[in-house]
């Protein structure tokens, strides 16, 4: 079982920013397409941002222009810079490969945006 470790979540006011980080002991980010997923209260988990091996980025419509996904291959760390946060961004955020590997889900990091 390979787990990813997410960090950086917290409680912020609407309009605020957070930067999430993701590390993985056994997944090499420069050999895998990676993504950030989130699961809001009462909702299904969804992919919100992805980055390919070639560093092409794709965003779900609701986060375009506000979120930026990036990775540092030397550190084997992936990031999600979130600006202009909205209450509807409240969720547990996870990282995983794209497509996701069911064996790799970590604990996630909670992001709560107050209005």
C-alpha atoms as a PDB file:
ATOM      1  CA  UNK A   1       0.000   0.000   0.000  1.00  0.00           C
ATOM      2  CA  UNK A   2       1.426   3.324  -1.076  1.00  0.00           C
ATOM      3  CA  UNK A   3       0.067   6.369   0.672  1.00  0.00           C
ATOM      4  CA  UNK A   4       0.438   9.984  -0.140  1.00  0.00           C
ATOM      5  CA  UNK A   5       0.675  12.591   2.593  1.00  0.00           C
ATOM      6  CA  UNK A   6      -1.146  15.882   2.306  1.00  0.00           C
ATOM      7  CA  UNK A   7      -0.609  18.971   4.449  1.00  0.00           C
ATOM      8  CA  UNK A   8      -1.289  22.693   4.540  1.00  0.00           C
ATOM      9  CA  UNK A   9      -5.019  22.832   5.113  1.00  0.00           C
ATOM     10  CA  UNK A  10      -6.716  25.075   7.623  1.00  0.00           C
ATOM     11  CA  UNK A  11      -9.445  27.579   8.326  1.00  0.00           C
ATOM     12  CA  UNK A  12      -9.480  30.766   6.275  1.00  0.00           C
ATOM     13  CA  UNK A  13     -11.922  33.531   5.502  1.00  0.00           C
ATOM     14  CA  UNK A  14     -13.432  33.874   2.075  1.00  0.00           C
ATOM     15  CA  UNK A  15     -10.943  35.514  -0.261  1.00  0.00           C
ATOM     16  CA  UNK A  16      -7.983  34.072   1.591  1.00  0.00           C
ATOM     17  CA  UNK A  17      -5.225  31.773   0.396  1.00  0.00           C
ATOM     18  CA  UNK A  18      -3.675  28.451   1.324  1.00  0.00           C
ATOM     19  CA  UNK A  19      -0.943  26.303  -0.167  1.00  0.00           C
ATOM     20  CA  UNK A  20      -1.310  22.560   0.073  1.00  0.00           C
ATOM     21  CA  UNK A  21       1.607  20.145  -0.198  1.00  0.00           C
ATOM     22  CA  UNK A  22       1.723  16.475  -1.142  1.00  0.00           C
ATOM     23  CA  UNK A  23       4.582  14.030  -0.698  1.00  0.00           C
ATOM     24  CA  UNK A  24       4.841  10.342  -1.490  1.00  0.00           C
ATOM     25  CA  UNK A  25       7.621   8.010  -0.363  1.00  0.00           C
ATOM     26  CA  UNK A  26       7.158   5.549  -3.250  1.00  0.00           C
ATOM     27  CA  UNK A  27       5.521   7.459  -6.099  1.00  0.00           C
ATOM     28  CA  UNK A  28       7.841   9.406  -8.360  1.00  0.00           C
ATOM     29  CA  UNK A  29       6.012  12.529  -9.464  1.00  0.00           C
ATOM     30  CA  UNK A  30       8.116  12.906 -12.592  1.00  0.00           C
ATOM     31  CA  UNK A  31       6.945   9.483 -13.810  1.00  0.00           C
ATOM     32  CA  UNK A  32       3.232   9.832 -13.034  1.00  0.00           C
ATOM     33  CA  UNK A  33       0.422  12.183 -13.903  1.00  0.00           C
ATOM     34  CA  UNK A  34      -0.746  13.600 -10.564  1.00  0.00           C
ATOM     35  CA  UNK A  35      -3.785  15.412  -9.301  1.00  0.00           C
ATOM     36  CA  UNK A  36      -5.503  17.135  -6.427  1.00  0.00           C
ATOM     37  CA  UNK A  37      -8.920  15.836  -5.508  1.00  0.00           C
ATOM     38  CA  UNK A  38     -11.447  17.113  -2.992  1.00  0.00           C
ATOM     39  CA  UNK A  39     -14.514  15.804  -1.230  1.00  0.00           C
ATOM     40  CA  UNK A  40     -16.930  18.342   0.176  1.00  0.00           C
ATOM     41  CA  UNK A  41     -19.635  17.640   2.765  1.00  0.00           C
ATOM     42  CA  UNK A  42     -22.197  15.277   1.273  1.00  0.00           C
ATOM     43  CA  UNK A  43     -20.444  15.247  -2.095  1.00  0.00           C
ATOM     44  CA  UNK A  44     -18.485  12.766  -4.131  1.00  0.00           C
ATOM     45  CA  UNK A  45     -14.752  13.100  -4.449  1.00  0.00           C
ATOM     46  CA  UNK A  46     -13.783  15.122  -7.514  1.00  0.00           C
ATOM     47  CA  UNK A  47     -10.601  15.925  -9.388  1.00  0.00           C
ATOM     48  CA  UNK A  48      -9.957  19.665  -9.294  1.00  0.00           C
ATOM     49  CA  UNK A  49      -6.472  20.013 -10.758  1.00  0.00           C
ATOM     50  CA  UNK A  50      -3.978  17.770 -12.488  1.00  0.00           C
ATOM     51  CA  UNK A  51      -0.431  17.990 -13.789  1.00  0.00           C
ATOM     52  CA  UNK A  52       1.031  15.619 -16.339  1.00  0.00           C
ATOM     53  CA  UNK A  53       4.541  14.236 -16.497  1.00  0.00           C
ATOM     54  CA  UNK A  54       5.208  16.920 -19.083  1.00  0.00           C
ATOM     55  CA  UNK A  55       3.778  19.535 -16.675  1.00  0.00           C
ATOM     56  CA  UNK A  56       0.622  20.264 -18.619  1.00  0.00           C
ATOM     57  CA  UNK A  57      -1.978  21.470 -16.130  1.00  0.00           C
ATOM     58  CA  UNK A  58      -5.753  21.021 -16.251  1.00  0.00           C
ATOM     59  CA  UNK A  59      -8.307  22.575 -13.911  1.00  0.00           C
ATOM     60  CA  UNK A  60     -11.923  21.980 -13.076  1.00  0.00           C
ATOM     61  CA  UNK A  61     -13.966  24.985 -14.175  1.00  0.00           C
ATOM     62  CA  UNK A  62     -14.850  26.245 -10.703  1.00  0.00           C
ATOM     63  CA  UNK A  63     -11.181  26.653  -9.698  1.00  0.00           C
ATOM     64  CA  UNK A  64      -9.722  28.004 -12.941  1.00  0.00           C
ATOM     65  CA  UNK A  65      -7.897  31.250 -12.382  1.00  0.00           C
ATOM     66  CA  UNK A  66      -7.833  30.732  -8.614  1.00  0.00           C
ATOM     67  CA  UNK A  67      -5.899  27.495  -8.043  1.00  0.00           C
ATOM     68  CA  UNK A  68      -2.438  26.622  -9.365  1.00  0.00           C
ATOM     69  CA  UNK A  69      -0.987  23.120  -9.339  1.00  0.00           C
ATOM     70  CA  UNK A  70       2.763  22.631  -9.485  1.00  0.00           C
ATOM     71  CA  UNK A  71       5.431  20.122  -8.559  1.00  0.00           C
ATOM     72  CA  UNK A  72       9.061  20.064  -7.528  1.00  0.00           C
ATOM     73  CA  UNK A  73      10.468  16.837  -8.906  1.00  0.00           C
ATOM     74  CA  UNK A  74      13.737  17.213  -7.011  1.00  0.00           C
ATOM     75  CA  UNK A  75      11.781  17.226  -3.747  1.00  0.00           C
ATOM     76  CA  UNK A  76       9.129  14.823  -5.054  1.00  0.00           C
ATOM     77  CA  UNK A  77       6.530  17.246  -3.757  1.00  0.00           C
ATOM     78  CA  UNK A  78       3.387  18.577  -5.372  1.00  0.00           C
ATOM     79  CA  UNK A  79       1.608  21.791  -4.446  1.00  0.00           C
ATOM     80  CA  UNK A  80      -1.778  23.405  -4.814  1.00  0.00           C
ATOM     81  CA  UNK A  81      -1.785  27.157  -4.403  1.00  0.00           C
ATOM     82  CA  UNK A  82      -5.346  28.250  -3.677  1.00  0.00           C
ATOM     83  CA  UNK A  83      -6.237  31.920  -3.901  1.00  0.00           C
ATOM     84  CA  UNK A  84      -9.591  33.647  -3.731  1.00  0.00           C
ATOM     85  CA  UNK A  85     -11.024  30.862  -1.610  1.00  0.00           C
ATOM     86  CA  UNK A  86     -14.796  30.541  -1.406  1.00  0.00           C
ATOM     87  CA  UNK A  87     -17.032  28.768   1.119  1.00  0.00           C
ATOM     88  CA  UNK A  88     -17.858  26.197  -1.578  1.00  0.00           C
ATOM     89  CA  UNK A  89     -14.164  25.216  -1.645  1.00  0.00           C
ATOM     90  CA  UNK A  90     -14.598  23.737   1.833  1.00  0.00           C
ATOM     91  CA  UNK A  91     -13.595  20.089   1.573  1.00  0.00           C
ATOM     92  CA  UNK A  92     -11.002  17.502   2.435  1.00  0.00           C
ATOM     93  CA  UNK A  93      -8.283  17.736  -0.181  1.00  0.00           C
ATOM     94  CA  UNK A  94      -6.336  14.692  -1.344  1.00  0.00           C
ATOM     95  CA  UNK A  95      -3.568  14.050  -3.820  1.00  0.00           C
ATOM     96  CA  UNK A  96      -3.238  10.936  -5.939  1.00  0.00           C
ATOM     97  CA  UNK A  97      -2.198   9.768  -9.346  1.00  0.00           C
ATOM     98  CA  UNK A  98      -4.420  10.417 -12.359  1.00  0.00           C
ATOM     99  CA  UNK A  99      -6.310   8.181 -12.749  1.00  0.00           C
ATOM    100  CA  UNK A 100      -6.424   7.594  -9.021  1.00  0.00           C
ATOM    101  CA  UNK A 101      -4.999   4.511  -7.353  1.00  0.00           C
ATOM    102  CA  UNK A 102      -7.354   3.206  -4.664  1.00  0.00           C
ATOM    103  CA  UNK A 103      -4.389   1.908  -2.670  1.00  0.00           C
ATOM    104  CA  UNK A 104      -2.795   5.331  -2.426  1.00  0.00           C
ATOM    105  CA  UNK A 105      -5.373   7.541  -0.749  1.00  0.00           C
ATOM    106  CA  UNK A 106      -3.981   9.312   2.277  1.00  0.00           C
ATOM    107  CA  UNK A 107      -5.784  11.045   5.125  1.00  0.00           C
ATOM    108  CA  UNK A 108      -6.230  14.270   3.204  1.00  0.00           C
ATOM    109  CA  UNK A 109      -6.065  17.781   4.589  1.00  0.00           C
ATOM    110  CA  UNK A 110      -9.129  19.744   5.658  1.00  0.00           C
ATOM    111  CA  UNK A 111      -9.771  23.137   4.088  1.00  0.00           C
ATOM    112  CA  UNK A 112     -12.539  25.208   5.641  1.00  0.00           C
ATOM    113  CA  UNK A 113     -13.523  28.565   4.189  1.00  0.00           C
ATOM    114  CA  UNK A 114     -15.740  30.802   6.278  1.00  0.00           C
ATOM    115  CA  UNK A 115     -17.990  33.432   4.749  1.00  0.00           C
END
